[in-house]
């Protein structure tokens, strides 16, 4: 198989997962909101980058992942979708020290520190996200969100860094460990608790079986992302953090065989998560809450897959991606 022959929908078409494929009824207004933020606030990006982010229609990822949010609830979720995607994209060429400084500053702002007037929209919007989430959710949930943001940054983006610099992927075993966090999905998945209105207490949320279910769901999205983003990453030529590339290196596989194996690993991950949820029914009075969490996480997983199939973000040749450009003001 030649790279230009690859099509992710051959592996993960619409409706691939056992949950409904839905869209939030406020999607149109969510798009207007996001375009306004890009045009009016994200001025540290070039005009070309801003246009690309608008064409990605990231608001549809929010709308598809969390179709039952009220309009008020969509605002911080939609704002975070843009903030975190742009942040991850634009630190691609940053040093490890710069990435660590960015993480520390974002966490501090989420905890209540005020952004400086000269700080760009990544920081200004992080403060708004924190305020908006606190208006909707109890502090125990906000602390959970902050911790998952920290985890994804600290053990995802930062642990990828040395391998990206060396342009050499880690072993498959280590890659799977890091990829669970570098896919950045953990803070997004718990938006289902906003949707359901059922906030799990800590002793349930931290239960090892529940955490393992979250790990399986997160890794399903990681493998899904690697399958859909492959055309963009093949075009870059220096990307190493993709399951297909790791499989090619470790087992000397062709592109076709590596893609088939990546799809098998994805399906195995999904089956393991579903089997664990079906078997372990020992959450007592909170079993219904856990079931609701998994349902909303599943709708989100179905939704993000549909978004990947529709967005221009991962086009062949990387034409739809907002690559970092010289002159972007990423400084804190």
C-alpha atoms as a PDB file:
ATOM      1  CA  UNK A   1       0.000   0.000   0.000  1.00  0.00           C
ATOM      2  CA  UNK A   2       1.311   3.424  -0.973  1.00  0.00           C
ATOM      3  CA  UNK A   3       0.813   6.269   1.547  1.00  0.00           C
ATOM      4  CA  UNK A   4      -1.539   8.124  -0.808  1.00  0.00           C
ATOM      5  CA  UNK A   5      -3.779   5.027  -0.978  1.00  0.00           C
ATOM      6  CA  UNK A   6      -4.391   5.015   2.765  1.00  0.00           C
ATOM      7  CA  UNK A   7      -7.895   5.952   3.957  1.00  0.00           C
ATOM      8  CA  UNK A   8      -8.766   5.779   7.648  1.00  0.00           C
ATOM      9  CA  UNK A   9     -12.456   5.157   6.980  1.00  0.00           C
ATOM     10  CA  UNK A  10     -11.469   1.736   5.613  1.00  0.00           C
ATOM     11  CA  UNK A  11     -10.740   0.862   9.252  1.00  0.00           C
ATOM     12  CA  UNK A  12     -12.989   3.157  11.328  1.00  0.00           C
ATOM     13  CA  UNK A  13     -16.095   4.239   9.385  1.00  0.00           C
ATOM     14  CA  UNK A  14     -19.047   6.191  10.773  1.00  0.00           C
ATOM     15  CA  UNK A  15     -20.987   4.231  13.388  1.00  0.00           C
ATOM     16  CA  UNK A  16     -18.147   1.801  14.118  1.00  0.00           C
ATOM     17  CA  UNK A  17     -18.798   1.769  17.878  1.00  0.00           C
ATOM     18  CA  UNK A  18     -21.730   0.382  19.905  1.00  0.00           C
ATOM     19  CA  UNK A  19     -23.016   3.782  21.037  1.00  0.00           C
ATOM     20  CA  UNK A  20     -25.307   6.311  19.314  1.00  0.00           C
ATOM     21  CA  UNK A  21     -23.799   8.819  16.865  1.00  0.00           C
ATOM     22  CA  UNK A  22     -25.275  12.162  17.944  1.00  0.00           C
ATOM     23  CA  UNK A  23     -24.780  15.927  17.520  1.00  0.00           C
ATOM     24  CA  UNK A  24     -25.485  18.642  20.073  1.00  0.00           C
ATOM     25  CA  UNK A  25     -28.433  20.830  18.961  1.00  0.00           C
ATOM     26  CA  UNK A  26     -26.378  23.959  19.736  1.00  0.00           C
ATOM     27  CA  UNK A  27     -23.643  23.047  17.234  1.00  0.00           C
ATOM     28  CA  UNK A  28     -24.247  26.031  14.930  1.00  0.00           C
ATOM     29  CA  UNK A  29     -23.908  28.575  17.743  1.00  0.00           C
ATOM     30  CA  UNK A  30     -20.897  26.694  19.105  1.00  0.00           C
ATOM     31  CA  UNK A  31     -19.234  27.168  15.709  1.00  0.00           C
ATOM     32  CA  UNK A  32     -19.928  30.895  15.767  1.00  0.00           C
ATOM     33  CA  UNK A  33     -18.502  31.114  19.293  1.00  0.00           C
ATOM     34  CA  UNK A  34     -15.306  29.307  18.332  1.00  0.00           C
ATOM     35  CA  UNK A  35     -14.775  31.335  15.156  1.00  0.00           C
ATOM     36  CA  UNK A  36     -15.148  34.482  17.239  1.00  0.00           C
ATOM     37  CA  UNK A  37     -12.504  33.316  19.708  1.00  0.00           C
ATOM     38  CA  UNK A  38     -10.128  32.440  16.870  1.00  0.00           C
ATOM     39  CA  UNK A  39     -10.606  35.784  15.104  1.00  0.00           C
ATOM     40  CA  UNK A  40     -10.678  38.060  18.146  1.00  0.00           C
ATOM     41  CA  UNK A  41      -8.553  36.366  20.804  1.00  0.00           C
ATOM     42  CA  UNK A  42      -6.109  33.961  19.130  1.00  0.00           C
ATOM     43  CA  UNK A  43      -4.192  36.800  17.524  1.00  0.00           C
ATOM     44  CA  UNK A  44      -0.823  35.283  18.485  1.00  0.00           C
ATOM     45  CA  UNK A  45      -1.440  32.898  15.576  1.00  0.00           C
ATOM     46  CA  UNK A  46      -0.849  33.942  11.986  1.00  0.00           C
ATOM     47  CA  UNK A  47      -3.821  34.665   9.747  1.00  0.00           C
ATOM     48  CA  UNK A  48      -3.095  31.447   7.833  1.00  0.00           C
ATOM     49  CA  UNK A  49      -3.172  29.400  11.046  1.00  0.00           C
ATOM     50  CA  UNK A  50      -6.397  31.023  12.233  1.00  0.00           C
ATOM     51  CA  UNK A  51      -8.097  30.169   8.943  1.00  0.00           C
ATOM     52  CA  UNK A  52      -6.946  26.562   9.243  1.00  0.00           C
ATOM     53  CA  UNK A  53      -8.319  26.262  12.760  1.00  0.00           C
ATOM     54  CA  UNK A  54     -11.662  27.585  11.560  1.00  0.00           C
ATOM     55  CA  UNK A  55     -11.723  25.078   8.689  1.00  0.00           C
ATOM     56  CA  UNK A  56     -11.014  22.232  11.140  1.00  0.00           C
ATOM     57  CA  UNK A  57     -14.434  22.948  12.730  1.00  0.00           C
ATOM     58  CA  UNK A  58     -13.236  21.809  16.136  1.00  0.00           C
ATOM     59  CA  UNK A  59     -16.568  22.834  17.635  1.00  0.00           C
ATOM     60  CA  UNK A  60     -18.038  19.781  15.912  1.00  0.00           C
ATOM     61  CA  UNK A  61     -15.754  17.581  17.982  1.00  0.00           C
ATOM     62  CA  UNK A  62     -17.311  19.149  21.090  1.00  0.00           C
ATOM     63  CA  UNK A  63     -20.810  18.858  19.625  1.00  0.00           C
ATOM     64  CA  UNK A  64     -20.376  15.220  18.663  1.00  0.00           C
ATOM     65  CA  UNK A  65     -18.631  14.104  21.853  1.00  0.00           C
ATOM     66  CA  UNK A  66     -21.127  15.707  24.246  1.00  0.00           C
ATOM     67  CA  UNK A  67     -24.488  15.925  22.461  1.00  0.00           C
ATOM     68  CA  UNK A  68     -26.545  16.332  25.655  1.00  0.00           C
ATOM     69  CA  UNK A  69     -24.808  19.415  27.067  1.00  0.00           C
ATOM     70  CA  UNK A  70     -26.933  22.536  27.466  1.00  0.00           C
ATOM     71  CA  UNK A  71     -25.663  25.575  25.606  1.00  0.00           C
ATOM     72  CA  UNK A  72     -24.306  27.058  28.848  1.00  0.00           C
ATOM     73  CA  UNK A  73     -22.434  23.821  29.518  1.00  0.00           C
ATOM     74  CA  UNK A  74     -20.970  23.714  26.005  1.00  0.00           C
ATOM     75  CA  UNK A  75     -19.128  27.018  26.438  1.00  0.00           C
ATOM     76  CA  UNK A  76     -16.208  25.906  28.680  1.00  0.00           C
ATOM     77  CA  UNK A  77     -16.058  22.485  26.977  1.00  0.00           C
ATOM     78  CA  UNK A  78     -15.894  24.086  23.534  1.00  0.00           C
ATOM     79  CA  UNK A  79     -13.416  26.703  24.752  1.00  0.00           C
ATOM     80  CA  UNK A  80     -11.173  23.947  26.148  1.00  0.00           C
ATOM     81  CA  UNK A  81     -11.386  21.987  22.895  1.00  0.00           C
ATOM     82  CA  UNK A  82      -9.845  24.901  20.994  1.00  0.00           C
ATOM     83  CA  UNK A  83      -7.419  25.851  23.768  1.00  0.00           C
ATOM     84  CA  UNK A  84      -5.932  22.395  24.264  1.00  0.00           C
ATOM     85  CA  UNK A  85      -5.742  21.500  20.565  1.00  0.00           C
ATOM     86  CA  UNK A  86      -4.024  24.798  19.701  1.00  0.00           C
ATOM     87  CA  UNK A  87      -1.713  24.474  22.688  1.00  0.00           C
ATOM     88  CA  UNK A  88      -0.628  20.956  21.713  1.00  0.00           C
ATOM     89  CA  UNK A  89      -0.151  21.929  18.062  1.00  0.00           C
ATOM     90  CA  UNK A  90       1.837  25.072  18.716  1.00  0.00           C
ATOM     91  CA  UNK A  91       4.359  23.618  21.202  1.00  0.00           C
ATOM     92  CA  UNK A  92       5.535  21.159  18.537  1.00  0.00           C
ATOM     93  CA  UNK A  93       8.823  23.053  18.068  1.00  0.00           C
ATOM     94  CA  UNK A  94       9.188  24.309  21.664  1.00  0.00           C
ATOM     95  CA  UNK A  95      11.988  23.240  23.991  1.00  0.00           C
ATOM     96  CA  UNK A  96      11.263  20.948  26.944  1.00  0.00           C
ATOM     97  CA  UNK A  97      11.854  23.856  29.319  1.00  0.00           C
ATOM     98  CA  UNK A  98       9.309  25.990  27.453  1.00  0.00           C
ATOM     99  CA  UNK A  99       6.773  23.142  27.525  1.00  0.00           C
ATOM    100  CA  UNK A 100       7.270  22.681  31.277  1.00  0.00           C
ATOM    101  CA  UNK A 101       6.847  26.419  31.887  1.00  0.00           C
ATOM    102  CA  UNK A 102       3.649  26.380  29.844  1.00  0.00           C
ATOM    103  CA  UNK A 103       2.291  23.452  31.843  1.00  0.00           C
ATOM    104  CA  UNK A 104       3.131  25.081  35.183  1.00  0.00           C
ATOM    105  CA  UNK A 105       1.527  28.362  34.175  1.00  0.00           C
ATOM    106  CA  UNK A 106      -1.657  26.757  32.833  1.00  0.00           C
ATOM    107  CA  UNK A 107      -2.088  24.658  35.979  1.00  0.00           C
ATOM    108  CA  UNK A 108      -1.529  27.719  38.178  1.00  0.00           C
ATOM    109  CA  UNK A 109      -4.172  29.650  36.233  1.00  0.00           C
ATOM    110  CA  UNK A 110      -6.645  26.775  36.468  1.00  0.00           C
ATOM    111  CA  UNK A 111      -6.071  26.809  40.231  1.00  0.00           C
ATOM    112  CA  UNK A 112      -6.916  30.508  40.401  1.00  0.00           C
ATOM    113  CA  UNK A 113      -3.874  32.590  39.401  1.00  0.00           C
ATOM    114  CA  UNK A 114      -4.780  35.518  37.146  1.00  0.00           C
ATOM    115  CA  UNK A 115      -3.233  35.721  33.674  1.00  0.00           C
ATOM    116  CA  UNK A 116      -1.130  38.768  32.903  1.00  0.00           C
ATOM    117  CA  UNK A 117      -2.439  41.284  30.401  1.00  0.00           C
ATOM    118  CA  UNK A 118       0.375  40.485  27.975  1.00  0.00           C
ATOM    119  CA  UNK A 119      -0.210  36.716  28.057  1.00  0.00           C
ATOM    120  CA  UNK A 120      -1.848  35.298  24.944  1.00  0.00           C
ATOM    121  CA  UNK A 121      -5.245  33.625  24.491  1.00  0.00           C
ATOM    122  CA  UNK A 122      -3.997  30.205  25.637  1.00  0.00           C
ATOM    123  CA  UNK A 123      -3.667  31.664  29.132  1.00  0.00           C
ATOM    124  CA  UNK A 124      -6.579  34.117  29.006  1.00  0.00           C
ATOM    125  CA  UNK A 125      -8.967  31.381  27.926  1.00  0.00           C
ATOM    126  CA  UNK A 126      -7.600  28.959  30.524  1.00  0.00           C
ATOM    127  CA  UNK A 127      -8.693  31.411  33.205  1.00  0.00           C
ATOM    128  CA  UNK A 128     -12.165  31.639  31.639  1.00  0.00           C
ATOM    129  CA  UNK A 129     -12.381  27.839  31.463  1.00  0.00           C
ATOM    130  CA  UNK A 130     -11.611  27.550  35.171  1.00  0.00           C
ATOM    131  CA  UNK A 131     -14.215  30.184  36.098  1.00  0.00           C
ATOM    132  CA  UNK A 132     -16.877  28.685  33.829  1.00  0.00           C
ATOM    133  CA  UNK A 133     -16.339  25.133  35.083  1.00  0.00           C
ATOM    134  CA  UNK A 134     -16.542  26.272  38.704  1.00  0.00           C
ATOM    135  CA  UNK A 135     -19.879  27.918  37.953  1.00  0.00           C
ATOM    136  CA  UNK A 136     -21.191  24.559  36.721  1.00  0.00           C
ATOM    137  CA  UNK A 137     -19.490  21.903  38.838  1.00  0.00           C
ATOM    138  CA  UNK A 138     -18.452  21.205  42.458  1.00  0.00           C
ATOM    139  CA  UNK A 139     -14.852  21.816  43.465  1.00  0.00           C
ATOM    140  CA  UNK A 140     -14.106  18.074  43.739  1.00  0.00           C
ATOM    141  CA  UNK A 141     -14.814  17.759  40.020  1.00  0.00           C
ATOM    142  CA  UNK A 142     -12.783  20.863  39.106  1.00  0.00           C
ATOM    143  CA  UNK A 143      -9.805  19.442  41.012  1.00  0.00           C
ATOM    144  CA  UNK A 144     -10.247  16.178  39.077  1.00  0.00           C
ATOM    145  CA  UNK A 145     -10.216  18.079  35.789  1.00  0.00           C
ATOM    146  CA  UNK A 146      -7.073  20.030  36.758  1.00  0.00           C
ATOM    147  CA  UNK A 147      -5.283  16.841  37.763  1.00  0.00           C
ATOM    148  CA  UNK A 148      -6.160  15.103  34.501  1.00  0.00           C
ATOM    149  CA  UNK A 149      -4.957  18.140  32.553  1.00  0.00           C
ATOM    150  CA  UNK A 150      -1.689  18.041  34.511  1.00  0.00           C
ATOM    151  CA  UNK A 151      -1.321  14.282  33.976  1.00  0.00           C
ATOM    152  CA  UNK A 152      -1.801  14.518  30.221  1.00  0.00           C
ATOM    153  CA  UNK A 153       0.730  17.311  29.930  1.00  0.00           C
ATOM    154  CA  UNK A 154       3.326  15.984  32.376  1.00  0.00           C
ATOM    155  CA  UNK A 155       3.244  12.315  31.368  1.00  0.00           C
ATOM    156  CA  UNK A 156       2.114  12.744  27.766  1.00  0.00           C
ATOM    157  CA  UNK A 157       3.485  15.773  25.930  1.00  0.00           C
ATOM    158  CA  UNK A 158       6.632  15.967  28.071  1.00  0.00           C
ATOM    159  CA  UNK A 159       7.510  12.263  27.960  1.00  0.00           C
ATOM    160  CA  UNK A 160       7.153  12.248  24.171  1.00  0.00           C
ATOM    161  CA  UNK A 161       9.701  15.033  23.830  1.00  0.00           C
ATOM    162  CA  UNK A 162      13.049  13.126  23.860  1.00  0.00           C
ATOM    163  CA  UNK A 163      11.768  10.609  21.309  1.00  0.00           C
ATOM    164  CA  UNK A 164      10.532  13.339  18.999  1.00  0.00           C
ATOM    165  CA  UNK A 165      13.886  15.126  19.242  1.00  0.00           C
ATOM    166  CA  UNK A 166      15.751  11.887  18.496  1.00  0.00           C
ATOM    167  CA  UNK A 167      13.175  11.009  15.788  1.00  0.00           C
ATOM    168  CA  UNK A 168      13.130   7.513  17.202  1.00  0.00           C
ATOM    169  CA  UNK A 169      10.025   5.867  18.694  1.00  0.00           C
ATOM    170  CA  UNK A 170      10.217   3.942  21.972  1.00  0.00           C
ATOM    171  CA  UNK A 171       9.409   0.250  22.241  1.00  0.00           C
ATOM    172  CA  UNK A 172       5.782  -0.743  21.773  1.00  0.00           C
ATOM    173  CA  UNK A 173       5.433  -1.436  25.519  1.00  0.00           C
ATOM    174  CA  UNK A 174       6.689   1.984  26.554  1.00  0.00           C
ATOM    175  CA  UNK A 175       4.839   3.697  23.720  1.00  0.00           C
ATOM    176  CA  UNK A 176       1.505   2.293  24.924  1.00  0.00           C
ATOM    177  CA  UNK A 177       2.193   3.630  28.422  1.00  0.00           C
ATOM    178  CA  UNK A 178       3.019   7.157  27.264  1.00  0.00           C
ATOM    179  CA  UNK A 179       0.363   7.274  24.539  1.00  0.00           C
ATOM    180  CA  UNK A 180      -2.427   6.849  27.090  1.00  0.00           C
ATOM    181  CA  UNK A 181      -1.542  10.324  28.336  1.00  0.00           C
ATOM    182  CA  UNK A 182      -0.194  12.021  25.211  1.00  0.00           C
ATOM    183  CA  UNK A 183      -3.508  11.545  23.380  1.00  0.00           C
ATOM    184  CA  UNK A 184      -4.711  14.223  25.873  1.00  0.00           C
ATOM    185  CA  UNK A 185      -8.129  12.589  26.241  1.00  0.00           C
ATOM    186  CA  UNK A 186      -8.355  12.137  30.011  1.00  0.00           C
ATOM    187  CA  UNK A 187      -9.518  15.676  30.856  1.00  0.00           C
ATOM    188  CA  UNK A 188     -12.022  15.549  27.992  1.00  0.00           C
ATOM    189  CA  UNK A 189     -13.617  12.229  29.007  1.00  0.00           C
ATOM    190  CA  UNK A 190     -14.815  13.517  32.351  1.00  0.00           C
ATOM    191  CA  UNK A 191     -16.955  16.168  30.629  1.00  0.00           C
ATOM    192  CA  UNK A 192     -19.496  13.335  30.609  1.00  0.00           C
ATOM    193  CA  UNK A 193     -19.992  14.048  34.309  1.00  0.00           C
ATOM    194  CA  UNK A 194     -21.154  17.555  33.378  1.00  0.00           C
ATOM    195  CA  UNK A 195     -23.568  16.022  30.873  1.00  0.00           C
ATOM    196  CA  UNK A 196     -25.014  13.390  33.199  1.00  0.00           C
ATOM    197  CA  UNK A 197     -25.058  15.547  36.322  1.00  0.00           C
ATOM    198  CA  UNK A 198     -23.676  12.544  38.208  1.00  0.00           C
ATOM    199  CA  UNK A 199     -20.322  13.321  39.828  1.00  0.00           C
ATOM    200  CA  UNK A 200     -18.683  10.167  41.109  1.00  0.00           C
ATOM    201  CA  UNK A 201     -17.265  10.313  44.649  1.00  0.00           C
ATOM    202  CA  UNK A 202     -13.518   9.874  44.982  1.00  0.00           C
ATOM    203  CA  UNK A 203     -13.661   6.322  46.397  1.00  0.00           C
ATOM    204  CA  UNK A 204     -15.509   5.209  43.242  1.00  0.00           C
ATOM    205  CA  UNK A 205     -13.550   7.341  40.802  1.00  0.00           C
ATOM    206  CA  UNK A 206     -10.217   6.088  42.175  1.00  0.00           C
ATOM    207  CA  UNK A 207     -11.332   2.430  42.247  1.00  0.00           C
ATOM    208  CA  UNK A 208      -8.782   0.354  40.333  1.00  0.00           C
ATOM    209  CA  UNK A 209     -11.430  -1.248  38.096  1.00  0.00           C
ATOM    210  CA  UNK A 210     -12.971   2.110  37.209  1.00  0.00           C
ATOM    211  CA  UNK A 211      -9.541   3.585  36.492  1.00  0.00           C
ATOM    212  CA  UNK A 212      -8.735   0.591  34.277  1.00  0.00           C
ATOM    213  CA  UNK A 213     -11.936   1.203  32.318  1.00  0.00           C
ATOM    214  CA  UNK A 214     -10.849   4.815  31.798  1.00  0.00           C
ATOM    215  CA  UNK A 215      -7.445   3.567  30.621  1.00  0.00           C
ATOM    216  CA  UNK A 216      -9.058   1.285  28.047  1.00  0.00           C
ATOM    217  CA  UNK A 217     -11.369   4.051  26.780  1.00  0.00           C
ATOM    218  CA  UNK A 218      -8.490   6.515  26.580  1.00  0.00           C
ATOM    219  CA  UNK A 219      -6.321   4.092  24.644  1.00  0.00           C
ATOM    220  CA  UNK A 220      -9.154   3.334  22.218  1.00  0.00           C
ATOM    221  CA  UNK A 221      -9.150   7.063  21.389  1.00  0.00           C
ATOM    222  CA  UNK A 222      -5.342   7.012  21.147  1.00  0.00           C
ATOM    223  CA  UNK A 223      -5.388   4.186  18.572  1.00  0.00           C
ATOM    224  CA  UNK A 224      -8.322   5.842  16.815  1.00  0.00           C
ATOM    225  CA  UNK A 225      -6.342   9.083  16.620  1.00  0.00           C
ATOM    226  CA  UNK A 226      -3.259   7.300  15.298  1.00  0.00           C
ATOM    227  CA  UNK A 227      -5.326   5.659  12.548  1.00  0.00           C
ATOM    228  CA  UNK A 228      -7.026   8.898  11.487  1.00  0.00           C
ATOM    229  CA  UNK A 229      -4.007  11.199  11.801  1.00  0.00           C
ATOM    230  CA  UNK A 230      -1.643   8.929   9.865  1.00  0.00           C
ATOM    231  CA  UNK A 231      -1.962  10.821   6.525  1.00  0.00           C
ATOM    232  CA  UNK A 232      -0.862  14.071   8.161  1.00  0.00           C
ATOM    233  CA  UNK A 233       1.966  12.381  10.060  1.00  0.00           C
ATOM    234  CA  UNK A 234       3.299  10.502   7.038  1.00  0.00           C
ATOM    235  CA  UNK A 235       3.520  13.873   5.287  1.00  0.00           C
ATOM    236  CA  UNK A 236       5.566  15.387   8.098  1.00  0.00           C
ATOM    237  CA  UNK A 237       8.212  12.705   7.732  1.00  0.00           C
ATOM    238  CA  UNK A 238       9.672  13.192  11.220  1.00  0.00           C
ATOM    239  CA  UNK A 239       6.738  12.065  13.410  1.00  0.00           C
ATOM    240  CA  UNK A 240       7.465   8.993  15.525  1.00  0.00           C
ATOM    241  CA  UNK A 241       4.605   8.930  18.046  1.00  0.00           C
ATOM    242  CA  UNK A 242       2.066   6.946  16.084  1.00  0.00           C
ATOM    243  CA  UNK A 243       1.177   3.293  16.676  1.00  0.00           C
ATOM    244  CA  UNK A 244       1.657   2.449  13.003  1.00  0.00           C
ATOM    245  CA  UNK A 245       5.221   3.812  12.959  1.00  0.00           C
ATOM    246  CA  UNK A 246       6.078   2.025  16.219  1.00  0.00           C
ATOM    247  CA  UNK A 247       4.787  -1.285  14.836  1.00  0.00           C
ATOM    248  CA  UNK A 248       6.725  -0.803  11.605  1.00  0.00           C
ATOM    249  CA  UNK A 249       9.947  -0.241  13.504  1.00  0.00           C
ATOM    250  CA  UNK A 250       9.566  -2.973  16.111  1.00  0.00           C
ATOM    251  CA  UNK A 251       8.352  -5.746  13.817  1.00  0.00           C
ATOM    252  CA  UNK A 252       9.688  -4.587  10.430  1.00  0.00           C
ATOM    253  CA  UNK A 253       6.174  -4.425   8.965  1.00  0.00           C
ATOM    254  CA  UNK A 254       4.957  -2.936   5.716  1.00  0.00           C
ATOM    255  CA  UNK A 255       2.583   0.019   5.931  1.00  0.00           C
ATOM    256  CA  UNK A 256      -0.362  -2.235   5.073  1.00  0.00           C
ATOM    257  CA  UNK A 257       0.525  -4.840   7.700  1.00  0.00           C
ATOM    258  CA  UNK A 258       1.259  -2.221  10.367  1.00  0.00           C
ATOM    259  CA  UNK A 259      -2.136  -0.595   9.749  1.00  0.00           C
ATOM    260  CA  UNK A 260      -3.868  -3.963  10.037  1.00  0.00           C
ATOM    261  CA  UNK A 261      -2.071  -4.663  13.319  1.00  0.00           C
ATOM    262  CA  UNK A 262      -2.905  -1.190  14.664  1.00  0.00           C
ATOM    263  CA  UNK A 263      -6.575  -1.845  13.898  1.00  0.00           C
ATOM    264  CA  UNK A 264      -6.374  -5.213  15.670  1.00  0.00           C
ATOM    265  CA  UNK A 265      -4.860  -3.551  18.749  1.00  0.00           C
ATOM    266  CA  UNK A 266      -7.618  -0.920  18.660  1.00  0.00           C
ATOM    267  CA  UNK A 267     -10.339  -3.586  18.526  1.00  0.00           C
ATOM    268  CA  UNK A 268      -8.708  -5.580  21.317  1.00  0.00           C
ATOM    269  CA  UNK A 269      -8.584  -2.439  23.504  1.00  0.00           C
ATOM    270  CA  UNK A 270     -12.260  -1.741  22.888  1.00  0.00           C
ATOM    271  CA  UNK A 271     -13.256  -5.341  23.626  1.00  0.00           C
ATOM    272  CA  UNK A 272     -11.247  -5.355  26.866  1.00  0.00           C
ATOM    273  CA  UNK A 273     -12.907  -2.182  28.089  1.00  0.00           C
ATOM    274  CA  UNK A 274     -16.399  -3.413  27.280  1.00  0.00           C
ATOM    275  CA  UNK A 275     -15.738  -6.820  28.860  1.00  0.00           C
ATOM    276  CA  UNK A 276     -14.419  -5.263  32.076  1.00  0.00           C
ATOM    277  CA  UNK A 277     -17.463  -3.012  32.374  1.00  0.00           C
ATOM    278  CA  UNK A 278     -19.825  -5.922  31.729  1.00  0.00           C
ATOM    279  CA  UNK A 279     -18.174  -8.242  34.253  1.00  0.00           C
ATOM    280  CA  UNK A 280     -17.474  -6.016  37.235  1.00  0.00           C
ATOM    281  CA  UNK A 281     -20.773  -4.907  38.772  1.00  0.00           C
ATOM    282  CA  UNK A 282     -19.618  -4.261  42.337  1.00  0.00           C
ATOM    283  CA  UNK A 283     -20.051  -0.485  42.645  1.00  0.00           C
ATOM    284  CA  UNK A 284     -23.153  -0.845  44.804  1.00  0.00           C
ATOM    285  CA  UNK A 285     -25.359   2.240  44.962  1.00  0.00           C
ATOM    286  CA  UNK A 286     -23.038   3.941  42.442  1.00  0.00           C
ATOM    287  CA  UNK A 287     -23.327   1.259  39.758  1.00  0.00           C
ATOM    288  CA  UNK A 288     -25.837   3.350  37.805  1.00  0.00           C
ATOM    289  CA  UNK A 289     -23.476   6.347  38.012  1.00  0.00           C
ATOM    290  CA  UNK A 290     -20.603   4.248  36.651  1.00  0.00           C
ATOM    291  CA  UNK A 291     -22.806   2.906  33.859  1.00  0.00           C
ATOM    292  CA  UNK A 292     -23.795   6.462  32.923  1.00  0.00           C
ATOM    293  CA  UNK A 293     -20.154   7.538  32.902  1.00  0.00           C
ATOM    294  CA  UNK A 294     -19.209   4.708  30.549  1.00  0.00           C
ATOM    295  CA  UNK A 295     -22.208   5.459  28.338  1.00  0.00           C
ATOM    296  CA  UNK A 296     -21.281   9.126  27.973  1.00  0.00           C
ATOM    297  CA  UNK A 297     -17.619   8.222  27.450  1.00  0.00           C
ATOM    298  CA  UNK A 298     -18.738   5.817  24.723  1.00  0.00           C
ATOM    299  CA  UNK A 299     -20.891   8.447  23.028  1.00  0.00           C
ATOM    300  CA  UNK A 300     -17.827  10.695  23.167  1.00  0.00           C
ATOM    301  CA  UNK A 301     -15.670   7.992  21.622  1.00  0.00           C
ATOM    302  CA  UNK A 302     -18.199   7.483  18.818  1.00  0.00           C
ATOM    303  CA  UNK A 303     -18.446  11.245  18.375  1.00  0.00           C
ATOM    304  CA  UNK A 304     -14.736  11.931  18.091  1.00  0.00           C
ATOM    305  CA  UNK A 305     -14.474   9.177  15.468  1.00  0.00           C
ATOM    306  CA  UNK A 306     -17.195  10.888  13.414  1.00  0.00           C
ATOM    307  CA  UNK A 307     -15.370  14.185  13.807  1.00  0.00           C
ATOM    308  CA  UNK A 308     -12.121  12.668  12.528  1.00  0.00           C
ATOM    309  CA  UNK A 309     -13.924  11.464   9.405  1.00  0.00           C
ATOM    310  CA  UNK A 310     -15.291  14.942   8.666  1.00  0.00           C
ATOM    311  CA  UNK A 311     -12.530  17.380   9.659  1.00  0.00           C
ATOM    312  CA  UNK A 312      -9.879  18.815   7.333  1.00  0.00           C
ATOM    313  CA  UNK A 313      -7.331  18.563  10.162  1.00  0.00           C
ATOM    314  CA  UNK A 314      -5.715  15.296   9.032  1.00  0.00           C
ATOM    315  CA  UNK A 315      -5.708  15.600   5.259  1.00  0.00           C
ATOM    316  CA  UNK A 316      -3.079  13.833   3.153  1.00  0.00           C
ATOM    317  CA  UNK A 317       0.024  15.962   2.836  1.00  0.00           C
ATOM    318  CA  UNK A 318      -0.737  17.802   6.081  1.00  0.00           C
ATOM    319  CA  UNK A 319      -2.508  20.572   4.142  1.00  0.00           C
ATOM    320  CA  UNK A 320      -5.248  21.002   6.756  1.00  0.00           C
ATOM    321  CA  UNK A 321      -2.976  21.190   9.801  1.00  0.00           C
ATOM    322  CA  UNK A 322      -1.960  24.456  11.489  1.00  0.00           C
ATOM    323  CA  UNK A 323       1.748  23.759  11.703  1.00  0.00           C
ATOM    324  CA  UNK A 324       3.771  26.021  14.063  1.00  0.00           C
ATOM    325  CA  UNK A 325       5.175  29.070  12.276  1.00  0.00           C
ATOM    326  CA  UNK A 326       8.044  31.402  13.057  1.00  0.00           C
ATOM    327  CA  UNK A 327       6.739  34.461  14.812  1.00  0.00           C
ATOM    328  CA  UNK A 328       4.022  32.835  16.948  1.00  0.00           C
ATOM    329  CA  UNK A 329       4.106  34.378  20.421  1.00  0.00           C
ATOM    330  CA  UNK A 330       4.061  31.322  22.687  1.00  0.00           C
ATOM    331  CA  UNK A 331       5.965  32.978  25.527  1.00  0.00           C
ATOM    332  CA  UNK A 332       4.554  33.261  29.022  1.00  0.00           C
END
